[in-house]
């Protein structure tokens, strides 16, 4: 009975979930470009101090995007008709 349940169990779409998670983090980090545009004297790439500010802003953006995505999709969705392929049909 348990073996039959394992062969018909649906799998979670981890690939799509990790894709969305990384997409949210990259999009959040990309928003650091707005800091360079709005305050170029503080967020510039010509000095190490300015580069540190840009990296910090990108890190915070990625952090926020990461957690917002986790709020929207805490676990991957169950994929439609996919069945576990690692368990042989008995």
Protein backbone atom coordinates (compact mmCIF):
# COMPACT_ATOMS: atom_id res chain seq x y z
CA UNK A 1 0.00 0.00 0.00
CA UNK A 2 2.77 2.47 0.89
CA UNK A 3 4.78 1.51 -2.18
CA UNK A 4 1.81 2.29 -4.43
CA UNK A 5 1.45 5.71 -2.80
CA UNK A 6 5.10 6.50 -3.54
CA UNK A 7 4.78 5.63 -7.22
CA UNK A 8 1.74 7.84 -7.73
CA UNK A 9 2.94 10.78 -5.62
CA UNK A 10 3.26 14.07 -7.44
CA UNK A 11 6.53 15.96 -7.26
CA UNK A 12 7.16 19.58 -6.40
CA UNK A 13 8.46 21.97 -9.05
CA UNK A 14 11.75 22.86 -7.34
CA UNK A 15 13.37 24.11 -10.54
CA UNK A 16 10.68 26.71 -11.16
CA UNK A 17 10.70 27.73 -7.51
CA UNK A 18 14.48 28.27 -7.42
CA UNK A 19 14.23 30.15 -10.72
CA UNK A 20 11.64 32.51 -9.24
CA UNK A 21 13.66 32.92 -6.06
CA UNK A 22 16.84 33.80 -7.92
CA UNK A 23 14.88 36.08 -10.26
CA UNK A 24 13.50 38.01 -7.29
CA UNK A 25 16.95 38.38 -5.73
CA UNK A 26 18.54 39.55 -8.99
CA UNK A 27 15.71 42.01 -9.65
CA UNK A 28 16.10 43.41 -6.15
CA UNK A 29 19.84 43.84 -6.64
CA UNK A 30 19.29 45.45 -10.02
CA UNK A 31 17.28 48.18 -8.33
CA UNK A 32 20.55 49.48 -6.90
CA UNK A 33 21.08 51.16 -10.25
CA UNK A 34 18.43 53.69 -9.24
CA UNK A 35 20.72 54.78 -6.40
CA UNK A 36 23.48 55.53 -8.87
CA UNK A 37 21.08 57.60 -10.96
CA UNK A 38 19.48 59.52 -8.07
CA UNK A 39 22.61 60.24 -6.00
CA UNK A 40 25.71 59.85 -8.18
CA UNK A 41 27.91 61.71 -5.68
CA UNK A 42 27.33 59.06 -3.00
CA UNK A 43 26.76 55.93 -5.09
CA UNK A 44 29.53 55.95 -7.65
CA UNK A 45 31.87 53.31 -8.95
CA UNK A 46 34.96 55.50 -9.24
CA UNK A 47 35.97 55.15 -5.58
CA UNK A 48 35.96 52.19 -3.21
CA UNK A 49 33.71 54.02 -0.75
CA UNK A 50 31.08 54.60 -3.43
CA UNK A 51 31.41 51.01 -4.63
CA UNK A 52 30.78 49.77 -1.08
CA UNK A 53 27.57 51.81 -0.99
CA UNK A 54 26.42 50.31 -4.29
CA UNK A 55 27.17 46.78 -3.05
CA UNK A 56 25.32 47.41 0.21
CA UNK A 57 22.33 48.78 -1.69
CA UNK A 58 22.36 45.77 -4.04
CA UNK A 59 22.57 43.39 -1.09
CA UNK A 60 19.64 44.98 0.66
CA UNK A 61 17.60 44.92 -2.56
CA UNK A 62 18.39 41.24 -3.10
CA UNK A 63 17.54 40.47 0.53
CA UNK A 64 14.16 42.21 0.28
CA UNK A 65 13.34 40.57 -3.06
CA UNK A 66 14.27 37.15 -1.67
CA UNK A 67 11.94 37.46 1.32
CA UNK A 68 9.07 38.95 -0.68
CA UNK A 69 9.22 35.97 -3.02
CA UNK A 70 9.25 33.58 -0.07
CA UNK A 71 6.15 35.31 1.26
CA UNK A 72 4.36 34.78 -2.06
CA UNK A 73 5.60 31.21 -2.66
CA UNK A 74 6.84 29.61 0.57
CA UNK A 75 7.03 26.17 -1.08
CA UNK A 76 7.12 25.07 -4.70
CA UNK A 77 3.86 24.22 -6.41
CA UNK A 78 2.94 20.62 -7.06
CA UNK A 79 3.59 19.85 -10.70
CA UNK A 80 0.67 18.55 -12.71
CA UNK A 81 1.07 15.01 -14.04
CA UNK A 82 4.70 14.44 -13.12
CA UNK A 83 5.25 11.26 -11.20
CA UNK A 84 8.27 10.17 -9.23
CA UNK A 85 10.68 8.64 -11.70
CA UNK A 86 13.08 7.16 -9.17
CA UNK A 87 10.57 4.62 -7.82
CA UNK A 88 9.87 1.70 -10.19
CA UNK A 89 6.29 0.77 -10.92
CA UNK A 90 5.53 -2.35 -8.93
